[in-house]
């Protein structure tokens, strides 16, 4: 029994031990490191590695079918898919300050659902228009990101599109071929 306990203790100590590192300088002044001791080498103290343990995850929200089983009578919104038909990824829009686009929904919209657009993270609502078509005005030149989302009347998100990047190019008074300064 003692032999088994001693063996287990040795195995546990061996599993947590770290390898030794030795440092020495040779005749040419070059610094060397090794896991093998050398004449004139000094043992280097190495801190144990930093570790991270993720916190526990929260339980997943109950599915719509689970609420019905629990006796909840409120209808749950149907989740679906949606995507931006336009503008396209990396599309370049020339000589404009307005951007027109369209959201295609892969699900039927319920009464009260609404569509919102996120331009560079700023939210734009279009009232009760659920056609999927939208126009953003006064978009400055440069590179922008755009996403759209569909929400229920009480603000729960039904779907969100992938974010697309597009570019607006407008004439500049600094440009050599500017219509303001013809050559």
N, C-alpha and C. Protein backbone atom coordinates (compact mmCIF):
# COMPACT_ATOMS: atom_id res chain seq x y z
N UNK A 1 0.82 -1.19 0.00
CA UNK A 1 0.00 0.00 0.00
C UNK A 1 0.86 1.26 0.00
N UNK A 2 1.91 1.24 0.86
CA UNK A 2 2.79 2.40 0.90
C UNK A 2 3.55 2.56 -0.41
N UNK A 3 3.92 1.47 -1.02
CA UNK A 3 4.64 1.54 -2.30
C UNK A 3 3.76 2.15 -3.38
N UNK A 4 2.49 1.79 -3.39
CA UNK A 4 1.56 2.34 -4.38
C UNK A 4 1.36 3.83 -4.14
N UNK A 5 1.22 4.23 -2.87
CA UNK A 5 1.05 5.64 -2.54
C UNK A 5 2.29 6.44 -2.90
N UNK A 6 3.47 5.90 -2.62
CA UNK A 6 4.73 6.55 -2.97
C UNK A 6 4.84 6.72 -4.49
N UNK A 7 4.48 5.68 -5.24
CA UNK A 7 4.55 5.75 -6.70
C UNK A 7 3.59 6.81 -7.24
N UNK A 8 2.38 6.85 -6.71
CA UNK A 8 1.42 7.86 -7.16
C UNK A 8 1.90 9.27 -6.83
N UNK A 9 2.52 9.45 -5.66
CA UNK A 9 3.05 10.76 -5.28
C UNK A 9 4.16 11.19 -6.23
N UNK A 10 5.06 10.26 -6.59
CA UNK A 10 6.14 10.57 -7.53
C UNK A 10 5.58 10.94 -8.90
N UNK A 11 4.58 10.19 -9.35
CA UNK A 11 3.97 10.50 -10.65
C UNK A 11 3.33 11.88 -10.63
N UNK A 12 2.63 12.22 -9.57
CA UNK A 12 1.99 13.54 -9.48
C UNK A 12 3.02 14.65 -9.47
N UNK A 13 4.12 14.45 -8.74
CA UNK A 13 5.17 15.47 -8.71
C UNK A 13 5.85 15.60 -10.06
N UNK A 14 6.07 14.49 -10.73
CA UNK A 14 6.72 14.52 -12.04
C UNK A 14 5.86 15.19 -13.08
N UNK A 15 4.53 15.06 -12.97
CA UNK A 15 3.63 15.65 -13.95
C UNK A 15 3.60 17.16 -13.84
N UNK A 16 3.83 17.70 -12.61
CA UNK A 16 3.75 19.14 -12.44
C UNK A 16 5.11 19.82 -12.51
N UNK A 17 6.19 19.05 -12.57
CA UNK A 17 7.52 19.65 -12.62
C UNK A 17 7.78 20.24 -13.99
N UNK A 18 8.51 21.34 -14.01
CA UNK A 18 8.88 21.95 -15.28
C UNK A 18 10.34 21.64 -15.55
N UNK A 19 10.70 21.67 -16.82
CA UNK A 19 12.08 21.40 -17.22
C UNK A 19 12.97 22.56 -16.77
N UNK A 20 14.20 22.23 -16.40
CA UNK A 20 15.17 23.25 -16.00
C UNK A 20 15.79 23.86 -17.25
N UNK A 21 16.13 25.14 -17.15
CA UNK A 21 16.80 25.84 -18.25
C UNK A 21 18.10 26.42 -17.69
N UNK A 22 19.16 26.26 -18.50
CA UNK A 22 20.48 26.73 -18.08
C UNK A 22 20.96 27.79 -19.07
N UNK A 23 21.68 28.79 -18.54
CA UNK A 23 22.19 29.89 -19.36
C UNK A 23 23.69 30.00 -19.12
N UNK A 24 24.44 30.20 -20.22
CA UNK A 24 25.87 30.44 -20.10
C UNK A 24 26.35 31.28 -21.27
N UNK A 25 27.50 31.89 -21.10
CA UNK A 25 28.12 32.72 -22.13
C UNK A 25 29.41 32.02 -22.56
N UNK A 26 29.56 31.83 -23.88
CA UNK A 26 30.76 31.14 -24.36
C UNK A 26 31.94 32.12 -24.47
N UNK A 27 33.08 31.64 -24.95
CA UNK A 27 34.32 32.44 -25.03
C UNK A 27 34.17 33.63 -25.97
N UNK A 28 33.25 33.56 -26.95
CA UNK A 28 33.04 34.67 -27.89
C UNK A 28 32.00 35.67 -27.40
N UNK A 29 31.45 35.46 -26.21
CA UNK A 29 30.47 36.39 -25.66
C UNK A 29 29.04 36.10 -26.10
N UNK A 30 28.81 34.94 -26.73
CA UNK A 30 27.47 34.59 -27.20
C UNK A 30 26.72 33.90 -26.05
N UNK A 31 25.50 34.35 -25.81
CA UNK A 31 24.68 33.78 -24.74
C UNK A 31 23.96 32.55 -25.29
N UNK A 32 23.99 31.46 -24.51
CA UNK A 32 23.34 30.21 -24.89
C UNK A 32 22.35 29.81 -23.81
N UNK A 33 21.31 29.10 -24.24
CA UNK A 33 20.32 28.52 -23.33
C UNK A 33 20.17 27.06 -23.69
N UNK A 34 19.97 26.22 -22.68
CA UNK A 34 19.81 24.79 -22.93
C UNK A 34 19.06 24.15 -21.79
N UNK A 35 18.51 22.97 -22.05
CA UNK A 35 17.91 22.19 -20.97
C UNK A 35 18.91 21.21 -20.37
N UNK A 36 20.15 21.23 -20.89
CA UNK A 36 21.24 20.39 -20.38
C UNK A 36 22.25 21.27 -19.64
N UNK A 37 22.65 20.88 -18.43
CA UNK A 37 23.63 21.70 -17.71
C UNK A 37 24.99 21.68 -18.43
N UNK A 38 25.66 22.83 -18.42
CA UNK A 38 26.97 23.00 -19.07
C UNK A 38 27.94 23.53 -18.01
N UNK A 39 29.23 23.33 -18.21
CA UNK A 39 30.18 23.89 -17.26
C UNK A 39 30.05 25.41 -17.21
N UNK A 40 29.93 25.98 -16.04
CA UNK A 40 29.81 27.43 -15.86
C UNK A 40 28.41 27.96 -16.10
N UNK A 41 27.40 27.10 -16.37
CA UNK A 41 26.03 27.55 -16.63
C UNK A 41 25.30 27.82 -15.32
N UNK A 42 24.40 28.77 -15.37
CA UNK A 42 23.58 29.05 -14.20
C UNK A 42 22.13 28.64 -14.52
N UNK A 43 21.42 28.18 -13.52
CA UNK A 43 20.04 27.76 -13.71
C UNK A 43 19.16 29.01 -13.75
N UNK A 44 18.27 29.07 -14.74
CA UNK A 44 17.38 30.21 -14.93
C UNK A 44 16.02 29.87 -14.33
N UNK A 45 15.49 30.78 -13.54
CA UNK A 45 14.16 30.57 -12.96
C UNK A 45 13.11 30.99 -13.99
N UNK A 46 12.19 30.08 -14.26
CA UNK A 46 11.12 30.36 -15.24
C UNK A 46 9.80 30.32 -14.50
N UNK A 47 9.03 31.38 -14.68
CA UNK A 47 7.70 31.45 -14.06
C UNK A 47 6.79 30.42 -14.71
N UNK A 48 5.85 29.89 -13.96
CA UNK A 48 4.90 28.94 -14.57
C UNK A 48 4.06 29.67 -15.61
N UNK A 49 3.57 28.95 -16.60
CA UNK A 49 2.80 29.61 -17.66
C UNK A 49 1.49 30.19 -17.12
N UNK A 50 1.08 31.30 -17.72
CA UNK A 50 -0.19 31.90 -17.35
C UNK A 50 -1.30 31.08 -17.97
N UNK A 51 -2.32 30.80 -17.21
CA UNK A 51 -3.44 30.02 -17.72
C UNK A 51 -4.72 30.82 -17.56
N UNK A 52 -5.72 30.41 -18.29
CA UNK A 52 -7.02 31.07 -18.25
C UNK A 52 -8.10 30.01 -18.25
N UNK A 53 -9.05 30.15 -17.37
CA UNK A 53 -10.17 29.24 -17.34
C UNK A 53 -11.41 30.07 -17.65
N UNK A 54 -12.13 29.69 -18.69
CA UNK A 54 -13.31 30.44 -19.10
C UNK A 54 -14.40 30.29 -18.05
N UNK A 55 -15.15 31.36 -17.81
CA UNK A 55 -16.26 31.23 -16.86
C UNK A 55 -17.33 30.31 -17.45
N UNK A 56 -18.15 29.78 -16.61
CA UNK A 56 -19.23 28.90 -17.07
C UNK A 56 -20.15 29.64 -18.00
N UNK A 57 -20.72 28.94 -18.93
CA UNK A 57 -21.63 29.57 -19.88
C UNK A 57 -23.05 29.55 -19.34
N UNK A 58 -23.82 30.53 -19.74
CA UNK A 58 -25.22 30.61 -19.33
C UNK A 58 -26.02 29.57 -20.09
N UNK A 59 -27.08 29.07 -19.52
CA UNK A 59 -27.88 28.10 -20.25
C UNK A 59 -28.50 28.73 -21.49
N UNK A 60 -28.65 27.93 -22.52
CA UNK A 60 -29.22 28.41 -23.77
C UNK A 60 -30.68 28.77 -23.56
N UNK A 61 -31.18 29.79 -24.28
CA UNK A 61 -32.59 30.14 -24.13
C UNK A 61 -33.46 28.98 -24.61
N UNK A 62 -34.62 28.87 -24.01
CA UNK A 62 -35.53 27.79 -24.37
C UNK A 62 -36.06 27.98 -25.78
N UNK A 63 -36.25 26.90 -26.48
CA UNK A 63 -36.79 26.95 -27.84
C UNK A 63 -38.28 27.24 -27.76
N UNK A 64 -38.86 27.63 -28.90
CA UNK A 64 -40.27 27.98 -28.94
C UNK A 64 -41.14 26.82 -28.49
N UNK A 65 -40.78 25.62 -28.85
CA UNK A 65 -41.55 24.45 -28.45
C UNK A 65 -41.48 24.21 -26.96
N UNK A 66 -40.38 24.56 -26.31
CA UNK A 66 -40.23 24.38 -24.87
C UNK A 66 -41.19 25.29 -24.11
N UNK A 67 -41.42 26.51 -24.61
CA UNK A 67 -42.33 27.42 -23.93
C UNK A 67 -43.76 26.90 -23.97
N UNK A 68 -44.14 26.30 -25.08
CA UNK A 68 -45.48 25.76 -25.18
C UNK A 68 -45.65 24.62 -24.18
N UNK A 69 -44.62 23.83 -24.00
CA UNK A 69 -44.69 22.73 -23.05
C UNK A 69 -44.75 23.25 -21.63
N UNK A 70 -44.17 24.40 -21.38
CA UNK A 70 -44.14 24.96 -20.03
C UNK A 70 -45.45 25.67 -19.70
N UNK A 71 -46.37 25.76 -20.64
CA UNK A 71 -47.65 26.38 -20.38
C UNK A 71 -47.71 27.82 -20.83
N UNK A 72 -46.69 28.34 -21.47
CA UNK A 72 -46.70 29.71 -21.96
C UNK A 72 -47.58 29.77 -23.20
N UNK A 73 -48.53 30.70 -23.22
CA UNK A 73 -49.44 30.78 -24.35
C UNK A 73 -49.07 31.89 -25.32
N UNK A 74 -48.06 32.71 -25.01
CA UNK A 74 -47.69 33.80 -25.91
C UNK A 74 -46.93 33.22 -27.09
N UNK A 75 -47.31 33.60 -28.32
CA UNK A 75 -46.63 33.07 -29.50
C UNK A 75 -45.21 33.62 -29.59
N UNK A 76 -44.30 32.79 -29.96
CA UNK A 76 -42.91 33.19 -30.12
C UNK A 76 -42.69 33.61 -31.57
N UNK A 77 -41.85 34.62 -31.80
CA UNK A 77 -41.58 35.03 -33.18
C UNK A 77 -40.85 33.92 -33.92
N UNK A 78 -41.19 33.78 -35.18
CA UNK A 78 -40.54 32.79 -36.01
C UNK A 78 -39.21 33.37 -36.48
N UNK A 79 -38.14 32.66 -36.20
CA UNK A 79 -36.83 33.12 -36.65
C UNK A 79 -36.67 32.73 -38.11
N UNK A 80 -35.96 33.51 -38.85
CA UNK A 80 -35.76 33.21 -40.25
C UNK A 80 -34.46 33.78 -40.74
N UNK A 81 -34.35 33.85 -42.03
CA UNK A 81 -33.13 34.38 -42.62
C UNK A 81 -33.46 35.64 -43.41
N UNK A 82 -32.47 36.48 -43.53
CA UNK A 82 -32.60 37.67 -44.35
C UNK A 82 -31.21 38.02 -44.87
N UNK A 83 -31.17 38.68 -46.02
CA UNK A 83 -29.89 39.10 -46.57
C UNK A 83 -30.05 40.38 -47.37
N UNK A 84 -28.92 41.08 -47.54
CA UNK A 84 -28.92 42.31 -48.33
C UNK A 84 -28.71 41.95 -49.79
N UNK A 85 -29.67 42.33 -50.63
CA UNK A 85 -29.50 42.13 -52.07
C UNK A 85 -28.59 43.21 -52.65
N UNK A 86 -28.72 44.42 -52.13
CA UNK A 86 -27.88 45.51 -52.58
C UNK A 86 -27.75 46.51 -51.45
N UNK A 87 -26.68 47.23 -51.36
CA UNK A 87 -25.49 47.14 -52.21
C UNK A 87 -24.73 45.85 -51.94
N UNK A 88 -23.93 45.45 -52.92
CA UNK A 88 -23.14 44.23 -52.82
C UNK A 88 -21.84 44.45 -52.06
N UNK A 89 -21.22 43.36 -51.68
CA UNK A 89 -19.94 43.41 -50.97
C UNK A 89 -18.89 44.10 -51.85
N UNK A 90 -18.23 45.10 -51.32
CA UNK A 90 -17.18 45.89 -51.98
C UNK A 90 -17.67 46.60 -53.24
N UNK A 91 -18.97 46.86 -53.33
CA UNK A 91 -19.51 47.61 -54.47
C UNK A 91 -19.07 49.06 -54.37
N UNK A 92 -18.76 49.67 -55.51
CA UNK A 92 -18.36 51.06 -55.57
C UNK A 92 -19.50 51.86 -56.19
N UNK A 93 -19.97 52.88 -55.48
CA UNK A 93 -21.04 53.74 -55.96
C UNK A 93 -20.42 55.07 -56.33
N UNK A 94 -20.56 55.45 -57.59
CA UNK A 94 -19.90 56.65 -58.11
C UNK A 94 -20.86 57.83 -58.14
N UNK A 95 -20.34 59.00 -57.79
CA UNK A 95 -21.01 60.29 -57.93
C UNK A 95 -22.41 60.30 -57.32
N UNK A 96 -22.52 59.86 -56.10
CA UNK A 96 -23.81 59.86 -55.44
C UNK A 96 -23.62 60.16 -53.96
N UNK A 97 -24.68 60.66 -53.35
CA UNK A 97 -24.66 60.83 -51.90
C UNK A 97 -25.82 60.07 -51.28
N UNK A 98 -26.56 59.31 -52.11
CA UNK A 98 -27.63 58.47 -51.56
C UNK A 98 -27.37 57.02 -51.96
N UNK A 99 -27.74 56.14 -51.08
CA UNK A 99 -27.52 54.72 -51.29
C UNK A 99 -28.86 54.02 -51.19
N UNK A 100 -29.24 53.34 -52.25
CA UNK A 100 -30.47 52.56 -52.26
C UNK A 100 -30.12 51.10 -52.10
N UNK A 101 -30.96 50.39 -51.38
CA UNK A 101 -30.70 48.98 -51.17
C UNK A 101 -31.98 48.21 -50.99
N UNK A 102 -31.81 46.90 -50.84
CA UNK A 102 -32.96 46.03 -50.67
C UNK A 102 -32.59 44.89 -49.74
N UNK A 103 -33.51 44.58 -48.81
CA UNK A 103 -33.37 43.46 -47.91
C UNK A 103 -34.33 42.38 -48.37
N UNK A 104 -33.82 41.17 -48.55
CA UNK A 104 -34.69 40.04 -48.91
C UNK A 104 -34.89 39.21 -47.65
N UNK A 105 -36.18 38.97 -47.34
CA UNK A 105 -36.52 38.18 -46.17
C UNK A 105 -36.90 36.77 -46.61
N UNK A 106 -36.34 35.78 -45.92
CA UNK A 106 -36.66 34.40 -46.21
C UNK A 106 -37.74 33.89 -45.28
N UNK A 107 -38.60 34.80 -44.83
CA UNK A 107 -39.67 34.45 -43.89
C UNK A 107 -40.80 35.44 -44.08
N UNK A 108 -42.01 35.07 -43.74
CA UNK A 108 -43.11 36.04 -43.81
C UNK A 108 -43.01 37.01 -42.64
N UNK A 109 -43.34 38.26 -42.91
CA UNK A 109 -43.33 39.25 -41.84
C UNK A 109 -44.68 39.25 -41.14
N UNK A 110 -44.65 39.41 -39.84
CA UNK A 110 -45.88 39.48 -39.04
C UNK A 110 -46.32 40.93 -38.92
N UNK A 111 -47.58 41.16 -38.64
CA UNK A 111 -48.02 42.55 -38.41
C UNK A 111 -47.21 43.17 -37.28
N UNK A 112 -46.73 44.36 -37.50
CA UNK A 112 -45.94 45.06 -36.49
C UNK A 112 -44.44 44.87 -36.65
N UNK A 113 -44.01 43.91 -37.47
CA UNK A 113 -42.57 43.74 -37.70
C UNK A 113 -42.04 44.98 -38.40
N UNK A 114 -40.77 45.26 -38.19
CA UNK A 114 -40.16 46.43 -38.82
C UNK A 114 -38.74 46.09 -39.25
N UNK A 115 -38.28 46.84 -40.23
CA UNK A 115 -36.94 46.66 -40.77
C UNK A 115 -36.12 47.89 -40.40
N UNK A 116 -34.90 47.67 -39.95
CA UNK A 116 -33.98 48.76 -39.64
C UNK A 116 -32.66 48.48 -40.36
N UNK A 117 -31.94 49.54 -40.65
CA UNK A 117 -30.66 49.44 -41.33
C UNK A 117 -29.59 50.04 -40.43
N UNK A 118 -28.42 49.40 -40.39
CA UNK A 118 -27.29 49.89 -39.61
C UNK A 118 -26.20 50.34 -40.58
N UNK A 119 -26.02 51.65 -40.71
CA UNK A 119 -24.99 52.22 -41.56
C UNK A 119 -23.85 52.67 -40.66
N UNK A 120 -22.70 52.03 -40.78
CA UNK A 120 -21.54 52.33 -39.94
C UNK A 120 -21.91 52.27 -38.45
N UNK A 121 -22.81 51.35 -38.10
CA UNK A 121 -23.22 51.17 -36.72
C UNK A 121 -24.36 52.07 -36.27
N UNK A 122 -24.73 53.05 -37.08
CA UNK A 122 -25.84 53.95 -36.74
C UNK A 122 -27.14 53.35 -37.28
N UNK A 123 -28.14 53.35 -36.44
CA UNK A 123 -29.43 52.74 -36.79
C UNK A 123 -30.33 53.73 -37.52
N UNK A 124 -30.97 53.25 -38.59
CA UNK A 124 -31.94 54.02 -39.34
C UNK A 124 -33.20 53.18 -39.45
N UNK A 125 -34.33 53.73 -38.94
CA UNK A 125 -35.62 53.05 -39.04
C UNK A 125 -36.40 53.64 -40.20
N UNK A 126 -37.24 52.81 -40.80
CA UNK A 126 -38.04 53.26 -41.93
C UNK A 126 -39.53 53.15 -41.65
N UNK A 127 -39.91 53.38 -40.40
CA UNK A 127 -41.32 53.35 -40.04
C UNK A 127 -41.92 51.98 -40.28
N UNK A 128 -43.12 51.95 -40.81
CA UNK A 128 -43.82 50.69 -41.04
C UNK A 128 -43.54 50.07 -42.39
N UNK A 129 -42.60 50.64 -43.16
CA UNK A 129 -42.32 50.11 -44.49
C UNK A 129 -41.64 48.74 -44.36
N UNK A 130 -42.32 47.72 -44.81
CA UNK A 130 -41.76 46.36 -44.75
C UNK A 130 -41.52 45.79 -46.13
N UNK A 131 -41.38 46.67 -47.12
CA UNK A 131 -41.14 46.21 -48.49
C UNK A 131 -39.73 45.67 -48.65
N UNK A 132 -38.82 46.09 -47.79
CA UNK A 132 -37.43 45.67 -47.89
C UNK A 132 -36.57 46.68 -48.64
N UNK A 133 -37.19 47.62 -49.36
CA UNK A 133 -36.44 48.63 -50.09
C UNK A 133 -36.15 49.82 -49.16
N UNK A 134 -34.97 50.38 -49.30
CA UNK A 134 -34.62 51.54 -48.48
C UNK A 134 -33.69 52.45 -49.26
N UNK A 135 -33.66 53.72 -48.85
CA UNK A 135 -32.73 54.70 -49.41
C UNK A 135 -32.15 55.50 -48.27
N UNK A 136 -30.83 55.57 -48.23
CA UNK A 136 -30.12 56.37 -47.24
C UNK A 136 -29.59 57.60 -47.97
N UNK A 137 -29.83 58.77 -47.42
CA UNK A 137 -29.39 60.01 -48.06
C UNK A 137 -28.23 60.61 -47.28
N UNK A 138 -27.54 61.52 -47.92
CA UNK A 138 -26.40 62.24 -47.35
C UNK A 138 -25.31 61.30 -46.85
N UNK A 139 -25.03 60.27 -47.64
CA UNK A 139 -23.93 59.36 -47.32
C UNK A 139 -22.66 59.99 -47.87
N UNK A 140 -21.71 60.26 -47.01
CA UNK A 140 -20.48 60.91 -47.43
C UNK A 140 -19.58 59.92 -48.16
N UNK A 141 -18.64 60.46 -48.92
CA UNK A 141 -17.74 59.58 -49.65
C UNK A 141 -16.84 58.83 -48.69
N UNK A 142 -16.41 57.66 -49.12
CA UNK A 142 -15.56 56.83 -48.28
C UNK A 142 -16.07 55.40 -48.22
N UNK A 143 -15.50 54.63 -47.33
CA UNK A 143 -15.86 53.23 -47.15
C UNK A 143 -16.84 53.11 -45.99
N UNK A 144 -17.89 52.34 -46.19
CA UNK A 144 -18.95 52.21 -45.19
C UNK A 144 -19.31 50.74 -44.99
N UNK A 145 -19.92 50.45 -43.83
CA UNK A 145 -20.47 49.13 -43.57
C UNK A 145 -21.98 49.25 -43.45
N UNK A 146 -22.66 48.19 -43.85
CA UNK A 146 -24.12 48.21 -43.86
C UNK A 146 -24.65 46.83 -43.47
N UNK A 147 -25.64 46.82 -42.61
CA UNK A 147 -26.35 45.60 -42.24
C UNK A 147 -27.80 45.97 -42.03
N UNK A 148 -28.68 45.00 -42.10
CA UNK A 148 -30.10 45.24 -41.86
C UNK A 148 -30.60 44.20 -40.87
N UNK A 149 -31.67 44.56 -40.17
CA UNK A 149 -32.27 43.62 -39.24
C UNK A 149 -33.77 43.75 -39.27
N UNK A 150 -34.42 42.65 -38.91
CA UNK A 150 -35.88 42.61 -38.82
C UNK A 150 -36.21 42.35 -37.37
N UNK A 151 -37.12 43.19 -36.82
CA UNK A 151 -37.52 43.08 -35.42
C UNK A 151 -39.02 42.95 -35.30
N UNK A 152 -39.46 42.35 -34.22
CA UNK A 152 -40.89 42.27 -33.91
C UNK A 152 -41.35 43.61 -33.37
N UNK A 153 -42.64 43.75 -33.17
CA UNK A 153 -43.20 45.00 -32.67
C UNK A 153 -42.66 45.34 -31.28
N UNK A 154 -42.31 44.32 -30.49
CA UNK A 154 -41.79 44.59 -29.15
C UNK A 154 -40.26 44.66 -29.11
N UNK A 155 -39.62 44.71 -30.28
CA UNK A 155 -38.18 44.94 -30.34
C UNK A 155 -37.30 43.71 -30.33
N UNK A 156 -37.89 42.51 -30.37
CA UNK A 156 -37.07 41.30 -30.43
C UNK A 156 -36.58 41.09 -31.86
N UNK A 157 -35.32 40.74 -31.98
CA UNK A 157 -34.72 40.58 -33.30
C UNK A 157 -35.11 39.23 -33.90
N UNK A 158 -35.60 39.26 -35.13
CA UNK A 158 -35.96 38.03 -35.84
C UNK A 158 -34.80 37.56 -36.71
N UNK A 159 -34.10 38.49 -37.34
CA UNK A 159 -32.93 38.11 -38.14
C UNK A 159 -32.08 39.35 -38.37
N UNK A 160 -30.82 39.12 -38.70
CA UNK A 160 -29.90 40.19 -39.06
C UNK A 160 -29.06 39.71 -40.22
N UNK A 161 -28.84 40.59 -41.18
CA UNK A 161 -28.05 40.24 -42.36
C UNK A 161 -26.57 40.25 -42.02
N UNK A 162 -25.78 39.67 -42.89
CA UNK A 162 -24.34 39.80 -42.80
C UNK A 162 -23.99 41.26 -43.09
N UNK A 163 -22.92 41.73 -42.53
CA UNK A 163 -22.47 43.10 -42.79
C UNK A 163 -21.72 43.15 -44.11
N UNK A 164 -22.07 44.11 -44.96
CA UNK A 164 -21.34 44.29 -46.21
C UNK A 164 -20.58 45.61 -46.15
N UNK A 165 -19.51 45.66 -46.89
CA UNK A 165 -18.72 46.88 -47.00
C UNK A 165 -18.91 47.42 -48.41
N UNK A 166 -19.18 48.72 -48.53
CA UNK A 166 -19.30 49.34 -49.85
C UNK A 166 -18.57 50.67 -49.82
N UNK A 167 -18.34 51.23 -51.00
CA UNK A 167 -17.52 52.44 -51.13
C UNK A 167 -18.29 53.49 -51.94
N UNK A 168 -18.30 54.72 -51.45
CA UNK A 168 -18.93 55.83 -52.15
C UNK A 168 -17.81 56.73 -52.67
N UNK A 169 -17.81 56.97 -53.96
CA UNK A 169 -16.83 57.86 -54.60
C UNK A 169 -17.58 59.06 -55.16
N UNK A 170 -17.13 60.25 -54.76
CA UNK A 170 -17.74 61.49 -55.23
C UNK A 170 -16.64 62.39 -55.76
N UNK A 171 -16.97 63.26 -56.70
CA UNK A 171 -15.95 64.17 -57.21
C UNK A 171 -15.47 65.11 -56.12
N UNK A 172 -14.24 65.50 -56.24
CA UNK A 172 -13.63 66.40 -55.26
C UNK A 172 -13.16 67.65 -55.97
N UNK A 173 -13.20 68.78 -55.27
CA UNK A 173 -12.68 70.02 -55.85
C UNK A 173 -11.16 69.94 -55.96
N UNK A 174 -10.53 69.00 -55.27
CA UNK A 174 -9.09 68.82 -55.32
C UNK A 174 -8.65 67.97 -56.52
N UNK A 175 -9.60 67.23 -57.11
CA UNK A 175 -9.24 66.31 -58.20
C UNK A 175 -8.84 67.09 -59.44
N UNK A 176 -7.82 66.65 -60.17
CA UNK A 176 -7.37 67.38 -61.36
C UNK A 176 -8.41 67.38 -62.48
N UNK A 177 -9.29 66.41 -62.56
CA UNK A 177 -10.30 66.38 -63.62
C UNK A 177 -11.67 66.77 -63.07
N UNK A 178 -11.68 67.55 -62.01
CA UNK A 178 -12.91 67.98 -61.38
C UNK A 178 -13.72 68.87 -62.32
N UNK A 179 -15.05 68.68 -62.40
CA UNK A 179 -15.85 69.57 -63.24
C UNK A 179 -15.85 71.00 -62.73
N UNK A 180 -15.47 71.20 -61.49
CA UNK A 180 -15.42 72.56 -60.93
C UNK A 180 -14.24 73.33 -61.53
N UNK A 181 -13.13 72.62 -61.81
CA UNK A 181 -11.92 73.23 -62.38
C UNK A 181 -11.60 72.55 -63.71
N UNK A 182 -12.35 72.82 -64.80
CA UNK A 182 -12.02 72.15 -66.06
C UNK A 182 -10.67 72.62 -66.60
N UNK A 183 -10.01 71.70 -67.30
CA UNK A 183 -8.70 72.02 -67.86
C UNK A 183 -8.79 72.23 -69.33
